C-alpha atoms as a PDB file:
ATOM      1  CA  MET A   1      39.452  21.579 183.956  1.00  0.00           C
ATOM      2  CA  TYR A   2      36.523  19.119 183.877  1.00  0.00           C
ATOM      3  CA  ILE A   3      34.473  18.098 180.945  1.00  0.00           C
ATOM      4  CA  ALA A   4      30.783  17.050 181.330  1.00  0.00           C
ATOM      5  CA  PHE A   5      28.808  15.316 178.390  1.00  0.00           C
ATOM      6  CA  ASP A   6      25.507  13.978 177.632  1.00  0.00           C
ATOM      7  CA  ILE A   7      25.188  11.837 174.788  1.00  0.00           C
ATOM      8  CA  GLY A   8      21.520  11.217 173.598  1.00  0.00           C
ATOM      9  CA  GLY A   9      19.600   9.323 171.149  1.00  0.00           C
ATOM     10  CA  THR A  10      19.136  12.859 169.305  1.00  0.00           C
ATOM     11  CA  ASN A  11      21.808  15.413 170.542  1.00  0.00           C
ATOM     12  CA  THR A  12      25.234  15.347 172.293  1.00  0.00           C
ATOM     13  CA  ARG A  13      26.117  18.096 174.595  1.00  0.00           C
ATOM     14  CA  ILE A  14      29.752  18.494 175.693  1.00  0.00           C
ATOM     15  CA  ALA A  15      30.771  21.490 178.217  1.00  0.00           C
ATOM     16  CA  ILE A  16      33.802  22.635 180.152  1.00  0.00           C
ATOM     17  CA  SER A  17      34.147  23.616 184.016  1.00  0.00           C
ATOM     18  CA  LYS A  18      37.107  25.102 185.043  1.00  0.00           C
ATOM     19  CA  ASP A  19      36.262  25.407 188.807  1.00  0.00           C
ATOM     20  CA  GLY A  20      34.302  22.119 189.234  1.00  0.00           C
ATOM     21  CA  LYS A  21      30.959  24.369 189.998  1.00  0.00           C
ATOM     22  CA  THR A  22      29.843  26.106 186.727  1.00  0.00           C
ATOM     23  CA  LEU A  23      29.617  25.238 183.429  1.00  0.00           C
ATOM     24  CA  ASN A  24      30.320  26.794 180.075  1.00  0.00           C
ATOM     25  CA  LYS A  25      28.014  27.040 177.475  1.00  0.00           C
ATOM     26  CA  PRO A  26      27.860  23.690 175.974  1.00  0.00           C
ATOM     27  CA  SER A  27      28.680  22.439 172.521  1.00  0.00           C
ATOM     28  CA  ILE A  28      25.535  20.864 170.839  1.00  0.00           C
ATOM     29  CA  TYR A  29      25.491  18.643 167.783  1.00  0.00           C
ATOM     30  CA  PRO A  30      23.291  15.669 166.496  1.00  0.00           C
ATOM     31  CA  THR A  31      24.591  12.238 167.649  1.00  0.00           C
ATOM     32  CA  PRO A  32      25.702  10.170 164.553  1.00  0.00           C
ATOM     33  CA  GLN A  33      24.302   6.877 164.701  1.00  0.00           C
ATOM     34  CA  ASP A  34      27.742   5.351 163.600  1.00  0.00           C
ATOM     35  CA  PHE A  35      29.984   4.866 166.315  1.00  0.00           C
ATOM     36  CA  ASP A  36      33.275   5.636 164.813  1.00  0.00           C
ATOM     37  CA  THR A  37      31.936   9.071 163.323  1.00  0.00           C
ATOM     38  CA  GLY A  38      30.652   9.690 166.893  1.00  0.00           C
ATOM     39  CA  ILE A  39      33.882   9.027 168.431  1.00  0.00           C
ATOM     40  CA  GLN A  40      35.807  11.167 166.260  1.00  0.00           C
ATOM     41  CA  LYS A  41      33.313  14.363 166.398  1.00  0.00           C
ATOM     42  CA  PHE A  42      33.085  13.770 170.279  1.00  0.00           C
ATOM     43  CA  ILE A  43      37.299  13.893 170.454  1.00  0.00           C
ATOM     44  CA  GLU A  44      37.323  16.878 168.022  1.00  0.00           C
ATOM     45  CA  THR A  45      34.730  18.844 170.012  1.00  0.00           C
ATOM     46  CA  VAL A  46      36.464  18.181 173.353  1.00  0.00           C
ATOM     47  CA  LYS A  47      39.610  19.377 172.027  1.00  0.00           C
ATOM     48  CA  ASN A  48      38.341  22.548 170.366  1.00  0.00           C
ATOM     49  CA  ILE A  49      36.439  23.810 173.532  1.00  0.00           C
ATOM     50  CA  SER A  50      39.380  22.564 175.839  1.00  0.00           C
ATOM     51  CA  GLY A  51      41.846  24.390 173.951  1.00  0.00           C
ATOM     52  CA  ASN A  52      44.099  21.162 174.486  1.00  0.00           C
ATOM     53  CA  GLU A  53      44.561  22.398 178.201  1.00  0.00           C
ATOM     54  CA  PRO A  54      45.080  19.242 180.635  1.00  0.00           C
ATOM     55  CA  ILE A  55      41.635  17.630 181.606  1.00  0.00           C
ATOM     56  CA  THR A  56      41.408  16.462 185.131  1.00  0.00           C
ATOM     57  CA  ALA A  57      38.487  14.122 184.390  1.00  0.00           C
ATOM     58  CA  ILE A  58      35.581  13.587 181.954  1.00  0.00           C
ATOM     59  CA  ALA A  59      32.407  12.165 183.082  1.00  0.00           C
ATOM     60  CA  GLY A  60      28.747  11.867 181.029  1.00  0.00           C
ATOM     61  CA  GLY A  61      25.742   9.909 180.407  1.00  0.00           C
ATOM     62  CA  ILE A  62      25.205   7.441 177.546  1.00  0.00           C
ATOM     63  CA  PRO A  63      21.723   6.185 176.578  1.00  0.00           C
ATOM     64  CA  GLY A  64      20.970   2.792 177.464  1.00  0.00           C
ATOM     65  CA  PRO A  65      22.098  -0.362 179.571  1.00  0.00           C
ATOM     66  CA  MET A  66      25.833  -0.665 180.184  1.00  0.00           C
ATOM     67  CA  ASP A  67      28.277  -3.296 181.194  1.00  0.00           C
ATOM     68  CA  PRO A  68      28.730  -4.058 184.935  1.00  0.00           C
ATOM     69  CA  GLN A  69      32.246  -2.149 184.904  1.00  0.00           C
ATOM     70  CA  LYS A  70      30.540   0.558 183.122  1.00  0.00           C
ATOM     71  CA  THR A  71      32.565   1.066 180.081  1.00  0.00           C
ATOM     72  CA  MET A  72      30.471   0.534 177.143  1.00  0.00           C
ATOM     73  CA  LEU A  73      26.449   0.371 175.871  1.00  0.00           C
ATOM     74  CA  LEU A  74      25.087  -2.825 175.710  1.00  0.00           C
ATOM     75  CA  LYS A  75      21.733  -2.403 174.477  1.00  0.00           C
ATOM     76  CA  ALA A  76      20.752   1.310 173.603  1.00  0.00           C
ATOM     77  CA  PRO A  77      17.606   1.058 171.563  1.00  0.00           C
ATOM     78  CA  ASN A  78      17.914   4.445 169.974  1.00  0.00           C
ATOM     79  CA  LEU A  79      21.927   4.383 169.270  1.00  0.00           C
ATOM     80  CA  LYS A  80      22.369   0.778 168.240  1.00  0.00           C
ATOM     81  CA  GLY A  81      25.436   1.418 166.309  1.00  0.00           C
ATOM     82  CA  TRP A  82      27.390   2.334 169.584  1.00  0.00           C
ATOM     83  CA  ASN A  83      26.339  -1.132 171.364  1.00  0.00           C
ATOM     84  CA  ASN A  84      29.361  -3.430 172.535  1.00  0.00           C
ATOM     85  CA  LYS A  85      31.981  -0.759 171.521  1.00  0.00           C
ATOM     86  CA  PRO A  86      34.795   0.218 174.059  1.00  0.00           C
ATOM     87  CA  LEU A  87      33.438   3.983 174.594  1.00  0.00           C
ATOM     88  CA  LYS A  88      35.445   4.271 177.904  1.00  0.00           C
ATOM     89  CA  ALA A  89      38.786   2.934 176.632  1.00  0.00           C
ATOM     90  CA  LEU A  90      38.968   4.819 173.328  1.00  0.00           C
ATOM     91  CA  LEU A  91      38.145   8.423 175.001  1.00  0.00           C
ATOM     92  CA  GLU A  92      40.911   7.633 177.545  1.00  0.00           C
ATOM     93  CA  LYS A  93      43.305   6.641 175.128  1.00  0.00           C
ATOM     94  CA  GLU A  94      42.647   9.596 172.800  1.00  0.00           C
ATOM     95  CA  LEU A  95      42.221  12.218 175.182  1.00  0.00           C
ATOM     96  CA  GLN A  96      44.484  11.171 177.804  1.00  0.00           C
ATOM     97  CA  THR A  97      42.640  11.431 180.965  1.00  0.00           C
ATOM     98  CA  GLN A  98      40.315   9.392 183.240  1.00  0.00           C
ATOM     99  CA  VAL A  99      36.596   8.806 181.853  1.00  0.00           C
ATOM    100  CA  PHE A 100      33.451   8.091 183.946  1.00  0.00           C
ATOM    101  CA  LEU A 101      30.214   6.690 182.197  1.00  0.00           C
ATOM    102  CA  GLU A 102      26.902   6.540 183.756  1.00  0.00           C
ATOM    103  CA  ASN A 103      23.562   5.986 182.239  1.00  0.00           C
ATOM    104  CA  ASP A 104      22.369   9.073 180.943  1.00  0.00           C
ATOM    105  CA  THR A 105      19.081   9.439 182.944  1.00  0.00           C
ATOM    106  CA  ALA A 106      20.952   8.837 186.146  1.00  0.00           C
ATOM    107  CA  MET A 107      22.976  11.921 185.454  1.00  0.00           C
ATOM    108  CA  TRP A 108      20.013  13.932 184.972  1.00  0.00           C
ATOM    109  CA  GLY A 109      18.567  12.478 188.168  1.00  0.00           C
ATOM    110  CA  ILE A 110      21.709  13.476 190.053  1.00  0.00           C
ATOM    111  CA  GLY A 111      21.292  16.950 188.657  1.00  0.00           C
ATOM    112  CA  GLU A 112      17.653  17.383 189.499  1.00  0.00           C
ATOM    113  CA  ALA A 113      18.166  15.855 192.943  1.00  0.00           C
ATOM    114  CA  THR A 114      21.009  17.986 193.838  1.00  0.00           C
ATOM    115  CA  ARG A 115      20.392  21.375 191.927  1.00  0.00           C
ATOM    116  CA  GLY A 116      16.646  20.864 190.588  1.00  0.00           C
ATOM    117  CA  ALA A 117      12.975  20.394 191.207  1.00  0.00           C
ATOM    118  CA  GLY A 118      14.132  16.942 193.057  1.00  0.00           C
ATOM    119  CA  GLN A 119      15.733  19.206 196.008  1.00  0.00           C
ATOM    120  CA  GLY A 120      14.530  18.364 199.504  1.00  0.00           C
ATOM    121  CA  PHE A 121      13.221  15.080 198.722  1.00  0.00           C
ATOM    122  CA  ALA A 122      14.834  11.878 200.429  1.00  0.00           C
ATOM    123  CA  ILE A 123      13.877   9.570 197.897  1.00  0.00           C
ATOM    124  CA  MET A 124      13.176  10.930 193.924  1.00  0.00           C
ATOM    125  CA  ALA A 125      12.395   9.061 190.852  1.00  0.00           C
ATOM    126  CA  TYR A 126      13.607  11.018 187.760  1.00  0.00           C
ATOM    127  CA  VAL A 127      11.859  10.045 184.527  1.00  0.00           C
ATOM    128  CA  THR A 128      12.630  11.360 181.051  1.00  0.00           C
ATOM    129  CA  VAL A 129      10.341  11.459 177.970  1.00  0.00           C
ATOM    130  CA  SER A 130      12.283  12.120 175.042  1.00  0.00           C
ATOM    131  CA  THR A 131      13.624  10.059 171.930  1.00  0.00           C
ATOM    132  CA  GLY A 132      13.424   7.117 174.149  1.00  0.00           C
ATOM    133  CA  VAL A 133      11.957   6.804 177.984  1.00  0.00           C
ATOM    134  CA  GLY A 134      14.373   6.325 180.790  1.00  0.00           C
ATOM    135  CA  GLY A 135      14.640   6.766 184.514  1.00  0.00           C
ATOM    136  CA  THR A 136      16.538   6.453 187.915  1.00  0.00           C
ATOM    137  CA  ARG A 137      16.067   6.108 191.413  1.00  0.00           C
ATOM    138  CA  ILE A 138      17.702   8.544 193.721  1.00  0.00           C
ATOM    139  CA  VAL A 139      18.149   8.070 197.368  1.00  0.00           C
ATOM    140  CA  HIS A 140      19.780  10.798 199.446  1.00  0.00           C
ATOM    141  CA  GLU A 141      21.159  12.737 196.338  1.00  0.00           C
ATOM    142  CA  LYS A 142      22.722   9.519 195.401  1.00  0.00           C
ATOM    143  CA  ILE A 143      22.105   6.745 192.489  1.00  0.00           C
ATOM    144  CA  ASP A 144      20.405   3.943 194.141  1.00  0.00           C
ATOM    145  CA  ALA A 145      21.966   0.391 193.950  1.00  0.00           C
ATOM    146  CA  SER A 146      20.596  -1.785 191.614  1.00  0.00           C
ATOM    147  CA  ALA A 147      21.916  -4.908 189.607  1.00  0.00           C
ATOM    148  CA  GLN A 148      21.565  -3.857 186.033  1.00  0.00           C
ATOM    149  CA  GLY A 149      20.584  -0.294 186.226  1.00  0.00           C
ATOM    150  CA  PHE A 150      17.036   1.051 186.029  1.00  0.00           C
ATOM    151  CA  GLU A 151      14.701   0.873 182.824  1.00  0.00           C
ATOM    152  CA  PRO A 152      11.276   2.282 183.999  1.00  0.00           C
ATOM    153  CA  GLY A 153      10.540   3.008 179.983  1.00  0.00           C
ATOM    154  CA  HIS A 154      10.727  -0.984 179.218  1.00  0.00           C
ATOM    155  CA  GLN A 155       7.946  -1.739 181.908  1.00  0.00           C
ATOM    156  CA  ILE A 156       5.223  -3.874 179.847  1.00  0.00           C
ATOM    157  CA  ILE A 157       2.249  -1.808 179.728  1.00  0.00           C
ATOM    158  CA  ASP A 158       0.505  -4.105 177.265  1.00  0.00           C
ATOM    159  CA  LEU A 159       1.985  -7.219 175.670  1.00  0.00           C
ATOM    160  CA  ALA A 160      -0.337  -6.805 172.589  1.00  0.00           C
ATOM    161  CA  GLY A 161       0.962  -3.282 172.264  1.00  0.00           C
ATOM    162  CA  PRO A 162       3.440  -1.869 169.518  1.00  0.00           C
ATOM    163  CA  GLU A 163       7.024  -2.958 169.013  1.00  0.00           C
ATOM    164  CA  CYS A 164       9.563  -1.012 171.197  1.00  0.00           C
ATOM    165  CA  GLY A 165      12.815  -0.100 169.822  1.00  0.00           C
ATOM    166  CA  CYS A 166      14.453  -2.964 171.965  1.00  0.00           C
ATOM    167  CA  GLY A 167      12.719  -5.349 170.269  1.00  0.00           C
ATOM    168  CA  GLY A 168      10.001  -6.016 173.114  1.00  0.00           C
ATOM    169  CA  ASN A 169       6.227  -5.338 172.572  1.00  0.00           C
ATOM    170  CA  GLY A 170       3.754  -2.978 174.613  1.00  0.00           C
ATOM    171  CA  HIS A 171       6.757  -1.196 176.534  1.00  0.00           C
ATOM    172  CA  LEU A 172       5.907   2.176 177.912  1.00  0.00           C
ATOM    173  CA  GLU A 173       8.600   3.531 175.517  1.00  0.00           C
ATOM    174  CA  ALA A 174       6.579   2.099 172.573  1.00  0.00           C
ATOM    175  CA  PHE A 175       3.417   4.311 173.486  1.00  0.00           C
ATOM    176  CA  ILE A 176       5.029   7.572 174.570  1.00  0.00           C
ATOM    177  CA  SER A 177       8.453   8.374 173.361  1.00  0.00           C
ATOM    178  CA  GLY A 178       9.191  10.922 170.722  1.00  0.00           C
ATOM    179  CA  THR A 179      10.322   7.816 168.310  1.00  0.00           C
ATOM    180  CA  ALA A 180       7.081   6.024 169.121  1.00  0.00           C
ATOM    181  CA  LEU A 181       4.689   9.179 168.274  1.00  0.00           C
ATOM    182  CA  GLN A 182       6.860   9.914 165.243  1.00  0.00           C
ATOM    183  CA  LYS A 183       6.345   6.361 163.943  1.00  0.00           C
ATOM    184  CA  LYS A 184       2.825   6.313 164.836  1.00  0.00           C
ATOM    185  CA  TYR A 185       1.628   9.800 163.396  1.00  0.00           C
ATOM    186  CA  GLY A 186       4.141  10.363 160.745  1.00  0.00           C
ATOM    187  CA  LYS A 187       5.295  13.541 162.120  1.00  0.00           C
ATOM    188  CA  ALA A 188       7.473  15.091 164.680  1.00  0.00           C
ATOM    189  CA  PRO A 189       5.820  15.411 168.134  1.00  0.00           C
ATOM    190  CA  LYS A 190       6.149  19.178 168.074  1.00  0.00           C
ATOM    191  CA  GLU A 191       4.020  19.237 165.035  1.00  0.00           C
ATOM    192  CA  ILE A 192       1.213  17.165 166.681  1.00  0.00           C
ATOM    193  CA  LYS A 193      -1.566  19.488 167.316  1.00  0.00           C
ATOM    194  CA  ASP A 194      -4.478  16.999 168.091  1.00  0.00           C
ATOM    195  CA  ALA A 195      -5.396  17.281 171.750  1.00  0.00           C
ATOM    196  CA  GLN A 196      -6.809  13.665 171.678  1.00  0.00           C
ATOM    197  CA  VAL A 197      -3.002  12.418 170.856  1.00  0.00           C
ATOM    198  CA  TRP A 198      -1.735  14.197 173.921  1.00  0.00           C
ATOM    199  CA  ASP A 199      -4.540  12.901 176.229  1.00  0.00           C
ATOM    200  CA  GLU A 200      -3.951   9.332 175.227  1.00  0.00           C
ATOM    201  CA  THR A 201      -0.232  10.180 175.911  1.00  0.00           C
ATOM    202  CA  ALA A 202      -0.999  11.512 179.128  1.00  0.00           C
ATOM    203  CA  LYS A 203      -2.989   8.266 180.241  1.00  0.00           C
ATOM    204  CA  TYR A 204       0.054   6.004 179.359  1.00  0.00           C
ATOM    205  CA  LEU A 205       2.466   8.136 181.270  1.00  0.00           C
ATOM    206  CA  ALA A 206       0.417   8.165 184.231  1.00  0.00           C
ATOM    207  CA  ILE A 207       0.205   4.597 184.304  1.00  0.00           C
ATOM    208  CA  GLY A 208       3.923   4.294 183.859  1.00  0.00           C
ATOM    209  CA  LEU A 209       4.503   6.706 186.735  1.00  0.00           C
ATOM    210  CA  LEU A 210       1.970   4.900 189.082  1.00  0.00           C
ATOM    211  CA  ASN A 211       3.527   1.380 188.421  1.00  0.00           C
ATOM    212  CA  THR A 212       6.911   3.319 189.140  1.00  0.00           C
ATOM    213  CA  ALA A 213       5.448   4.884 192.319  1.00  0.00           C
ATOM    214  CA  VAL A 214       4.319   1.354 193.310  1.00  0.00           C
ATOM    215  CA  PHE A 215       7.562  -0.483 192.776  1.00  0.00           C
ATOM    216  CA  TRP A 216      10.238   2.406 193.920  1.00  0.00           C
ATOM    217  CA  SER A 217       7.952   4.295 196.561  1.00  0.00           C
ATOM    218  CA  PRO A 218       9.385   7.869 196.042  1.00  0.00           C
ATOM    219  CA  HIS A 219       8.473  11.055 197.512  1.00  0.00           C
ATOM    220  CA  CYS A 220       8.875  12.723 194.428  1.00  0.00           C
ATOM    221  CA  ILE A 221       8.866  12.138 190.786  1.00  0.00           C
ATOM    222  CA  VAL A 222      10.552  14.755 188.480  1.00  0.00           C
ATOM    223  CA  LEU A 223       9.797  14.569 184.670  1.00  0.00           C
ATOM    224  CA  GLY A 224      12.001  15.516 182.157  1.00  0.00           C
ATOM    225  CA  GLY A 225      12.713  15.537 178.331  1.00  0.00           C
ATOM    226  CA  SER A 226      11.370  17.068 175.117  1.00  0.00           C
ATOM    227  CA  ILE A 227       8.318  15.518 174.994  1.00  0.00           C
ATOM    228  CA  MET A 228       7.032  16.702 178.315  1.00  0.00           C
ATOM    229  CA  LYS A 229       6.834  20.014 176.821  1.00  0.00           C
ATOM    230  CA  ASP A 230       3.799  18.864 175.056  1.00  0.00           C
ATOM    231  CA  ILE A 231       2.137  16.787 177.832  1.00  0.00           C
ATOM    232  CA  ASP A 232      -0.244  18.312 180.255  1.00  0.00           C
ATOM    233  CA  ILE A 233       1.496  17.401 183.837  1.00  0.00           C
ATOM    234  CA  ASP A 234      -2.029  18.310 185.774  1.00  0.00           C
ATOM    235  CA  LEU A 235      -3.945  15.869 183.370  1.00  0.00           C
ATOM    236  CA  VAL A 236      -1.124  13.353 184.159  1.00  0.00           C
ATOM    237  CA  GLN A 237      -1.748  13.735 187.874  1.00  0.00           C
ATOM    238  CA  THR A 238      -5.619  13.214 187.322  1.00  0.00           C
ATOM    239  CA  TYR A 239      -5.213  10.135 185.473  1.00  0.00           C
ATOM    240  CA  MET A 240      -2.794   8.910 188.228  1.00  0.00           C
ATOM    241  CA  ARG A 241      -5.541   9.663 191.075  1.00  0.00           C
ATOM    242  CA  GLU A 242      -8.101   7.782 188.968  1.00  0.00           C
ATOM    243  CA  TYR A 243      -6.035   4.697 188.354  1.00  0.00           C
ATOM    244  CA  ASN A 244      -4.489   4.757 191.767  1.00  0.00           C
ATOM    245  CA  HIS A 245      -6.360   2.168 194.271  1.00  0.00           C
ATOM    246  CA  ILE A 246      -3.428   1.196 196.682  1.00  0.00           C
ATOM    247  CA  LEU A 247      -1.084   3.898 197.694  1.00  0.00           C
ATOM    248  CA  PRO A 248      -2.343   6.146 200.600  1.00  0.00           C
ATOM    249  CA  THR A 249      -0.489   9.103 199.085  1.00  0.00           C
ATOM    250  CA  LEU A 250       0.529   9.780 195.559  1.00  0.00           C
ATOM    251  CA  PRO A 251       4.243  11.010 194.961  1.00  0.00           C
ATOM    252  CA  ALA A 252       4.658  14.796 194.186  1.00  0.00           C
ATOM    253  CA  ILE A 253       5.033  15.126 190.422  1.00  0.00           C
ATOM    254  CA  LYS A 254       7.354  17.853 189.141  1.00  0.00           C
ATOM    255  CA  LYS A 255       8.582  19.069 185.819  1.00  0.00           C
ATOM    256  CA  SER A 256      12.329  19.424 185.585  1.00  0.00           C
ATOM    257  CA  THR A 257      13.875  23.018 186.452  1.00  0.00           C
ATOM    258  CA  LEU A 258      17.320  22.427 184.919  1.00  0.00           C
ATOM    259  CA  GLY A 259      16.273  22.420 181.026  1.00  0.00           C
ATOM    260  CA  ASP A 260      18.635  20.733 178.634  1.00  0.00           C
ATOM    261  CA  GLU A 261      21.641  21.105 180.955  1.00  0.00           C
ATOM    262  CA  GLY A 262      20.638  18.640 183.798  1.00  0.00           C
ATOM    263  CA  GLY A 263      22.592  15.680 182.316  1.00  0.00           C
ATOM    264  CA  LEU A 264      25.788  17.987 182.252  1.00  0.00           C
ATOM    265  CA  ILE A 265      25.080  19.262 185.873  1.00  0.00           C
ATOM    266  CA  GLY A 266      24.897  15.831 187.201  1.00  0.00           C
ATOM    267  CA  ALA A 267      28.110  14.766 185.140  1.00  0.00           C
ATOM    268  CA  LEU A 268      29.949  17.288 186.757  1.00  0.00           C
ATOM    269  CA  GLN A 269      29.018  16.388 190.139  1.00  0.00           C
ATOM    270  CA  LEU A 270      30.091  12.772 189.243  1.00  0.00           C
ATOM    271  CA  ALA A 271      33.549  13.756 187.726  1.00  0.00           C
ATOM    272  CA  CYS A 272      34.205  16.032 190.719  1.00  0.00           C
ATOM    273  CA  TYR A 273      33.246  13.343 193.147  1.00  0.00           C
ATOM    274  CA  THR A 274      35.305  10.553 191.563  1.00  0.00           C
ATOM    275  CA  THR A 275      38.484  12.495 191.176  1.00  0.00           C
ATOM    276  CA  THR A 276      38.168  13.242 195.031  1.00  0.00           C
ATOM    277  CA  HIS A 277      36.999   9.969 196.303  1.00  0.00           C
ATOM    278  CA  GLY A 278      38.519   7.602 193.617  1.00  0.00           C
ATOM    279  CA  SER A 279      35.155   5.945 192.752  1.00  0.00           C
ATOM    280  CA  VAL A 280      31.414   6.267 193.417  1.00  0.00           C
ATOM    281  CA  ASP A 281      30.238   4.867 196.886  1.00  0.00           C
ATOM    282  CA  ARG A 282      26.747   3.768 196.274  1.00  0.00           C
ATOM    283  CA  SER A 283      26.309   3.971 200.167  1.00  0.00           C
ATOM    284  CA  THR A 284      27.126   7.843 200.072  1.00  0.00           C
ATOM    285  CA  SER A 285      25.697  10.809 198.393  1.00  0.00           C
ATOM    286  CA  ILE A 286      27.545  12.367 195.499  1.00  0.00           C
END
């Protein structure tokens, strides 16, 4: 039995797989901001859905930069109470199995590259616009090598712009994330009906994606996250074409096709691969 999870800034999803290929319906609950409460809830949920049966491995995504050994969060803007806490060690101790952690967006990227909208593209960028803004670069169905992970949501759009949750100013996340929109307009994004607001959001996203295309040179950019339900992807592409003056061809822009389970699918891929090969080799596909 495998456990796949996705700990987000808003919700946590946990699911089991008995065959290593398919996932049962996930258990979903609001992510506690307090780390101790969050760990207790996570362990209780895993024990409940697994029926205390032996677990081969647990893998999942967490929302922010991690330490080099991938054992904990270091600076999660939307889950600050979890920073610098021994997440991997505690889970392995309490659940008595091996635990593999990865950036949550990287998990979503693997899912989309192998079983979603990114299938068939050698180089794919995945960008999620939700509570925060994250992203990853996938090459031949694997997470590309990096020194400190990928954080396209923290590219600087305007130094004089609004404060980001990480403490910086004018980051892409500070303009288009659910947290930023809630802060600016005083209501949940799904309650915002003003077309001008979404037009402006599309413009900032277009700028961020064009920057991402210039630096990462992907064949395709897949967009996921709850905020993408309200952003017109055709409008984003229109603004990208207007702002582009250097790339001969813009990457294909596609919406995620895996819904809320993309991160779980990627996590299951990682869990199965690591138990078979021992570790994730960045030079080979998972």
